[in-house]
Amino acid sequence: METSIIKIGNSKGLRLSKTILEKYHIKDKVELILEKEQIILRPIESPRKNWEDKFKEMADNKDDELLMNDVFEDENFDEWN
């Protein structure tokens, strides 16, 4: 596919069609990868996508234990009062 480089203020950019944006699930941001004389645009997904499901799965598998104590023995709570 050939597309034109367009002027955007003092910069230049690419215009992506609605069809491409929808097909590749591109919303607000893309990752730009420069590799072997080519430019790759990859959609950025929400970093916390499906966390709720993964936490439930961990709880069901009893794999949601703390790896370290949330309170240390030498912690002084008086300084927080």
C-alpha atoms as a PDB file:
ATOM      1  CA  MET A   1       0.000   0.000   0.000  1.00  0.00           C
ATOM      2  CA  GLU A   2       1.339   3.439  -0.845  1.00  0.00           C
ATOM      3  CA  THR A   3       0.506   6.492   1.246  1.00  0.00           C
ATOM      4  CA  SER A   4       1.642  10.104   1.186  1.00  0.00           C
ATOM      5  CA  ILE A   5       3.639  11.940   3.826  1.00  0.00           C
ATOM      6  CA  ILE A   6       1.627  15.005   4.909  1.00  0.00           C
ATOM      7  CA  LYS A   7       2.636  18.241   6.597  1.00  0.00           C
ATOM      8  CA  ILE A   8       1.474  18.567  10.220  1.00  0.00           C
ATOM      9  CA  GLY A   9       2.577  21.925  11.614  1.00  0.00           C
ATOM     10  CA  ASN A  10       6.392  21.969  11.499  1.00  0.00           C
ATOM     11  CA  SER A  11       6.489  18.159  11.234  1.00  0.00           C
ATOM     12  CA  LYS A  12       5.344  15.543   8.765  1.00  0.00           C
ATOM     13  CA  GLY A  13       3.274  12.461   9.333  1.00  0.00           C
ATOM     14  CA  LEU A  14       1.205   9.631   7.911  1.00  0.00           C
ATOM     15  CA  ARG A  15      -2.558   9.572   7.718  1.00  0.00           C
ATOM     16  CA  LEU A  16      -4.071   6.156   8.466  1.00  0.00           C
ATOM     17  CA  SER A  17      -7.535   5.363   7.157  1.00  0.00           C
ATOM     18  CA  LYS A  18     -10.414   4.467   9.449  1.00  0.00           C
ATOM     19  CA  THR A  19     -10.370   0.965   7.928  1.00  0.00           C
ATOM     20  CA  ILE A  20      -6.736   0.402   8.927  1.00  0.00           C
ATOM     21  CA  LEU A  21      -7.303   1.833  12.413  1.00  0.00           C
ATOM     22  CA  GLU A  22     -10.275  -0.471  12.988  1.00  0.00           C
ATOM     23  CA  LYS A  23      -8.696  -3.569  11.420  1.00  0.00           C
ATOM     24  CA  TYR A  24      -5.563  -3.325  13.569  1.00  0.00           C
ATOM     25  CA  HIS A  25      -7.330  -2.008  16.690  1.00  0.00           C
ATOM     26  CA  ILE A  26      -5.304   1.208  16.758  1.00  0.00           C
ATOM     27  CA  LYS A  27      -6.735   3.711  19.228  1.00  0.00           C
ATOM     28  CA  ASP A  28      -4.585   6.566  20.564  1.00  0.00           C
ATOM     29  CA  LYS A  29      -1.010   5.302  20.443  1.00  0.00           C
ATOM     30  CA  VAL A  30       1.230   2.967  18.462  1.00  0.00           C
ATOM     31  CA  GLU A  31       4.644   1.537  19.176  1.00  0.00           C
ATOM     32  CA  LEU A  32       7.157   2.620  16.518  1.00  0.00           C
ATOM     33  CA  ILE A  33       9.753  -0.061  15.762  1.00  0.00           C
ATOM     34  CA  LEU A  34      12.733   0.717  13.529  1.00  0.00           C
ATOM     35  CA  GLU A  35      14.125  -2.516  12.154  1.00  0.00           C
ATOM     36  CA  LYS A  36      16.292  -3.435   9.133  1.00  0.00           C
ATOM     37  CA  GLU A  37      15.344  -0.512   6.886  1.00  0.00           C
ATOM     38  CA  GLN A  38      11.658  -0.761   7.750  1.00  0.00           C
ATOM     39  CA  ILE A  39       9.278   0.981  10.125  1.00  0.00           C
ATOM     40  CA  ILE A  40       6.750  -1.129  12.005  1.00  0.00           C
ATOM     41  CA  LEU A  41       3.709   0.362  13.732  1.00  0.00           C
ATOM     42  CA  ARG A  42       2.224  -1.842  16.435  1.00  0.00           C
ATOM     43  CA  PRO A  43      -0.938  -0.951  18.383  1.00  0.00           C
ATOM     44  CA  ILE A  44      -0.419  -0.382  22.101  1.00  0.00           C
ATOM     45  CA  GLU A  45      -2.942  -2.273  24.178  1.00  0.00           C
ATOM     46  CA  SER A  46      -4.115  -1.185  27.561  1.00  0.00           C
ATOM     47  CA  PRO A  47      -1.377  -2.262  30.006  1.00  0.00           C
ATOM     48  CA  ARG A  48      -3.880  -3.489  32.599  1.00  0.00           C
ATOM     49  CA  LYS A  49      -6.175  -5.274  30.168  1.00  0.00           C
ATOM     50  CA  ASN A  50      -7.691  -8.457  31.687  1.00  0.00           C
ATOM     51  CA  TRP A  51      -6.031  -7.923  35.105  1.00  0.00           C
ATOM     52  CA  GLU A  52      -9.290  -8.658  36.909  1.00  0.00           C
ATOM     53  CA  ASP A  53      -9.580 -12.044  35.185  1.00  0.00           C
ATOM     54  CA  LYS A  54      -5.940 -12.871  35.899  1.00  0.00           C
ATOM     55  CA  PHE A  55      -6.299 -11.976  39.597  1.00  0.00           C
ATOM     56  CA  LYS A  56      -9.385 -14.191  39.867  1.00  0.00           C
ATOM     57  CA  GLU A  57      -7.507 -17.029  38.165  1.00  0.00           C
ATOM     58  CA  MET A  58      -4.617 -16.614  40.624  1.00  0.00           C
ATOM     59  CA  ALA A  59      -7.023 -16.700  43.578  1.00  0.00           C
ATOM     60  CA  ASP A  60      -8.754 -19.811  42.219  1.00  0.00           C
ATOM     61  CA  ASN A  61      -5.339 -21.500  41.890  1.00  0.00           C
ATOM     62  CA  LYS A  62      -4.348 -20.290  45.378  1.00  0.00           C
ATOM     63  CA  ASP A  63      -1.409 -18.531  43.746  1.00  0.00           C
ATOM     64  CA  ASP A  64      -2.106 -15.104  45.235  1.00  0.00           C
ATOM     65  CA  GLU A  65       0.035 -15.327  48.380  1.00  0.00           C
ATOM     66  CA  LEU A  66       2.249 -12.439  49.434  1.00  0.00           C
ATOM     67  CA  LEU A  67       5.862 -13.051  48.475  1.00  0.00           C
ATOM     68  CA  MET A  68       7.073 -10.956  51.381  1.00  0.00           C
ATOM     69  CA  ASN A  69       5.518  -9.620  54.559  1.00  0.00           C
ATOM     70  CA  ASP A  70       3.618  -6.370  54.155  1.00  0.00           C
ATOM     71  CA  VAL A  71       4.904  -5.249  57.571  1.00  0.00           C
ATOM     72  CA  PHE A  72       8.529  -5.589  58.568  1.00  0.00           C
ATOM     73  CA  GLU A  73       9.566  -6.409  62.135  1.00  0.00           C
ATOM     74  CA  ASP A  74      11.674  -3.253  62.477  1.00  0.00           C
ATOM     75  CA  GLU A  75       8.921  -0.930  61.245  1.00  0.00           C
ATOM     76  CA  ASN A  76       8.005   1.898  63.626  1.00  0.00           C
ATOM     77  CA  PHE A  77       4.341   2.864  63.333  1.00  0.00           C
ATOM     78  CA  ASP A  78       4.631   5.585  65.993  1.00  0.00           C
ATOM     79  CA  GLU A  79       6.393   7.885  63.542  1.00  0.00           C
ATOM     80  CA  TRP A  80       3.258   7.875  61.376  1.00  0.00           C
ATOM     81  CA  ASN A  81       1.001   9.253  64.131  1.00  0.00           C
END
